Structures are given as structure tokens and as C-alpha cells.
C-alpha atoms as a PDB file:
ATOM      1  CA  UNK A   1      52.998 101.472 120.713  1.00  0.00           C
ATOM      2  CA  UNK A   2      51.098  99.263 122.983  1.00  0.00           C
ATOM      3  CA  UNK A   3      49.819 100.530 126.180  1.00  0.00           C
ATOM      4  CA  UNK A   4      51.566  99.661 129.282  1.00  0.00           C
ATOM      5  CA  UNK A   5      49.701  97.546 131.831  1.00  0.00           C
ATOM      6  CA  UNK A   6      49.691  98.828 135.418  1.00  0.00           C
ATOM      7  CA  UNK A   7      52.360  96.341 136.437  1.00  0.00           C
ATOM      8  CA  UNK A   8      54.663  97.328 133.614  1.00  0.00           C
ATOM      9  CA  UNK A   9      54.223 100.877 134.446  1.00  0.00           C
ATOM     10  CA  UNK A  10      54.988 100.303 138.226  1.00  0.00           C
ATOM     11  CA  UNK A  11      57.982  98.118 137.143  1.00  0.00           C
ATOM     12  CA  UNK A  12      59.585 100.714 134.893  1.00  0.00           C
ATOM     13  CA  UNK A  13      59.027 103.319 137.444  1.00  0.00           C
ATOM     14  CA  UNK A  14      60.815 101.040 140.119  1.00  0.00           C
ATOM     15  CA  UNK A  15      63.900 100.459 137.751  1.00  0.00           C
ATOM     16  CA  UNK A  16      64.021 104.231 136.861  1.00  0.00           C
ATOM     17  CA  UNK A  17      63.974 105.124 140.661  1.00  0.00           C
ATOM     18  CA  UNK A  18      66.383 102.450 141.641  1.00  0.00           C
ATOM     19  CA  UNK A  19      68.839 103.293 138.849  1.00  0.00           C
ATOM     20  CA  UNK A  20      72.120 101.367 139.139  1.00  0.00           C
ATOM     21  CA  UNK A  21      70.616  99.094 141.899  1.00  0.00           C
ATOM     22  CA  UNK A  22      67.906  97.869 139.673  1.00  0.00           C
ATOM     23  CA  UNK A  23      68.284  93.871 140.082  1.00  0.00           C
ATOM     24  CA  UNK A  24      65.553  91.456 140.821  1.00  0.00           C
ATOM     25  CA  UNK A  25      65.753  91.384 144.577  1.00  0.00           C
ATOM     26  CA  UNK A  26      65.623  95.119 145.043  1.00  0.00           C
ATOM     27  CA  UNK A  27      63.110  95.580 142.236  1.00  0.00           C
ATOM     28  CA  UNK A  28      60.713  93.129 144.100  1.00  0.00           C
ATOM     29  CA  UNK A  29      61.410  94.602 147.537  1.00  0.00           C
ATOM     30  CA  UNK A  30      60.556  97.977 146.023  1.00  0.00           C
ATOM     31  CA  UNK A  31      57.390  97.041 144.268  1.00  0.00           C
ATOM     32  CA  UNK A  32      56.168  94.965 147.211  1.00  0.00           C
ATOM     33  CA  UNK A  33      56.419  98.198 149.445  1.00  0.00           C
ATOM     34  CA  UNK A  34      54.872 100.413 146.951  1.00  0.00           C
ATOM     35  CA  UNK A  35      51.804  98.089 146.270  1.00  0.00           C
ATOM     36  CA  UNK A  36      51.339  97.113 149.773  1.00  0.00           C
ATOM     37  CA  UNK A  37      51.331  93.388 149.292  1.00  0.00           C
ATOM     38  CA  UNK A  38      53.959  90.695 148.576  1.00  0.00           C
ATOM     39  CA  UNK A  39      55.075  90.752 144.795  1.00  0.00           C
ATOM     40  CA  UNK A  40      56.151  87.161 143.899  1.00  0.00           C
ATOM     41  CA  UNK A  41      59.458  86.394 141.870  1.00  0.00           C
ATOM     42  CA  UNK A  42      57.392  84.493 139.151  1.00  0.00           C
ATOM     43  CA  UNK A  43      55.325  87.530 138.707  1.00  0.00           C
ATOM     44  CA  UNK A  44      58.404  89.826 138.571  1.00  0.00           C
ATOM     45  CA  UNK A  45      60.473  87.800 136.079  1.00  0.00           C
ATOM     46  CA  UNK A  46      57.607  87.267 133.837  1.00  0.00           C
ATOM     47  CA  UNK A  47      56.795  90.926 133.560  1.00  0.00           C
ATOM     48  CA  UNK A  48      60.496  91.738 133.266  1.00  0.00           C
ATOM     49  CA  UNK A  49      60.746  89.388 130.519  1.00  0.00           C
ATOM     50  CA  UNK A  50      57.685  90.996 128.854  1.00  0.00           C
ATOM     51  CA  UNK A  51      59.455  94.362 129.112  1.00  0.00           C
ATOM     52  CA  UNK A  52      62.696  93.135 127.821  1.00  0.00           C
ATOM     53  CA  UNK A  53      60.670  91.550 124.658  1.00  0.00           C
ATOM     54  CA  UNK A  54      59.042  94.825 124.033  1.00  0.00           C
ATOM     55  CA  UNK A  55      62.629  96.471 124.313  1.00  0.00           C
ATOM     56  CA  UNK A  56      61.379  98.665 127.231  1.00  0.00           C
ATOM     57  CA  UNK A  57      64.300  97.484 129.480  1.00  0.00           C
ATOM     58  CA  UNK A  58      68.003  96.437 128.796  1.00  0.00           C
ATOM     59  CA  UNK A  59      69.474  93.892 130.787  1.00  0.00           C
ATOM     60  CA  UNK A  60      73.166  93.886 131.744  1.00  0.00           C
ATOM     61  CA  UNK A  61      75.027  91.319 133.800  1.00  0.00           C
ATOM     62  CA  UNK A  62      77.026  92.426 136.940  1.00  0.00           C
ATOM     63  CA  UNK A  63      80.168  90.772 138.233  1.00  0.00           C
ATOM     64  CA  UNK A  64      80.064  87.359 139.881  1.00  0.00           C
ATOM     65  CA  UNK A  65      80.126  87.814 143.431  1.00  0.00           C
ATOM     66  CA  UNK A  66      81.128  85.060 146.262  1.00  0.00           C
ATOM     67  CA  UNK A  67      78.030  85.685 148.197  1.00  0.00           C
ATOM     68  CA  UNK A  68      76.173  84.478 145.027  1.00  0.00           C
ATOM     69  CA  UNK A  69      78.327  81.553 144.491  1.00  0.00           C
ATOM     70  CA  UNK A  70      79.938  83.149 141.324  1.00  0.00           C
ATOM     71  CA  UNK A  71      76.597  83.932 139.817  1.00  0.00           C
ATOM     72  CA  UNK A  72      75.899  87.273 138.252  1.00  0.00           C
ATOM     73  CA  UNK A  73      73.124  89.639 138.904  1.00  0.00           C
ATOM     74  CA  UNK A  74      71.073  90.793 136.092  1.00  0.00           C
ATOM     75  CA  UNK A  75      70.758  94.722 136.254  1.00  0.00           C
ATOM     76  CA  UNK A  76      67.942  96.314 134.303  1.00  0.00           C
ATOM     77  CA  UNK A  77      67.642 100.001 132.927  1.00  0.00           C
ATOM     78  CA  UNK A  78      64.717 101.843 131.192  1.00  0.00           C
ATOM     79  CA  UNK A  79      65.339 102.105 127.552  1.00  0.00           C
ATOM     80  CA  UNK A  80      64.582 104.973 125.544  1.00  0.00           C
ATOM     81  CA  UNK A  81      61.464 103.179 124.294  1.00  0.00           C
ATOM     82  CA  UNK A  82      60.494 102.356 127.805  1.00  0.00           C
ATOM     83  CA  UNK A  83      60.816 106.096 128.843  1.00  0.00           C
ATOM     84  CA  UNK A  84      58.643 106.917 125.683  1.00  0.00           C
ATOM     85  CA  UNK A  85      55.958 104.276 126.862  1.00  0.00           C
ATOM     86  CA  UNK A  86      55.958 105.944 130.413  1.00  0.00           C
ATOM     87  CA  UNK A  87      55.683 109.348 129.089  1.00  0.00           C
ATOM     88  CA  UNK A  88      52.607 108.280 127.052  1.00  0.00           C
ATOM     89  CA  UNK A  89      51.102 106.379 130.101  1.00  0.00           C
ATOM     90  CA  UNK A  90      51.688 109.479 132.158  1.00  0.00           C
ATOM     91  CA  UNK A  91      50.042 111.802 129.739  1.00  0.00           C
ATOM     92  CA  UNK A  92      46.826 109.335 129.307  1.00  0.00           C
ATOM     93  CA  UNK A  93      46.532 108.976 133.139  1.00  0.00           C
ATOM     94  CA  UNK A  94      46.624 112.758 133.546  1.00  0.00           C
ATOM     95  CA  UNK A  95      43.899 113.207 130.820  1.00  0.00           C
ATOM     96  CA  UNK A  96      41.644 110.511 132.493  1.00  0.00           C
ATOM     97  CA  UNK A  97      41.965 112.137 135.807  1.00  0.00           C
ATOM     98  CA  UNK A  98      41.725 115.792 135.111  1.00  0.00           C
ATOM     99  CA  UNK A  99      37.872 116.088 135.037  1.00  0.00           C
ATOM    100  CA  UNK A 100      37.549 113.993 138.206  1.00  0.00           C
ATOM    101  CA  UNK A 101      37.549 116.145 141.342  1.00  0.00           C
ATOM    102  CA  UNK A 102      39.098 115.138 144.822  1.00  0.00           C
ATOM    103  CA  UNK A 103      35.683 115.179 146.301  1.00  0.00           C
ATOM    104  CA  UNK A 104      34.554 112.428 144.278  1.00  0.00           C
ATOM    105  CA  UNK A 105      36.058 109.815 146.444  1.00  0.00           C
ATOM    106  CA  UNK A 106      34.927 111.188 149.851  1.00  0.00           C
END
């Protein structure tokens, strides 16, 4: 299993947290809020495409809606492989940080 990039990790966590409301606009808004700067749709969909290719997310189509002129939203969920990748990333981060005291950044 390849290591997650930081943005992949952030996106997987965002999708997991948003649950049934994880679609492009909501994911982008949530990630932009977390990272404190605008996250472009180009970056979002490029990263989501990579996550889908790695089978870390599953995509499902929502129902067509009039406010979207009949287009369907694409909803994302974290797959079991994505959850395993997140767990591995979390364990690695914990190991890397465990020897560094908080006062090192004062």
C-alpha cells in the first residue's frame, strides 16, 4: 500500500466526516475551511480521481435535481481500503510525533 499524500489524507478524512453529504461542493468547502485557504475544484477533482483510481473511495450518483438542471451529484464514501490507508497514516504520524515535545515549537 502506498503512503497517502497529505491532501489525500485530508480528503479521506473530510469524506468520512461528511458521511452522506460528501459531494464535490461540500468537500471543497470543508477542506478549504480546514486548511485555511481556497482549495480549487481542479485540485479537488484531480485528487478525488486519484483516490478513486487507488480504490480508496467509492463514487455513487445521486438523483437528478431541478436546481442542477437534471444533473446528478457524485457522492463519495471511504472504502475499506481507504480506511486502512487512513489507519496506516495515523499510526505513522503518531510514531513520528511521539518523541517531539510540545515545547519544541515555543
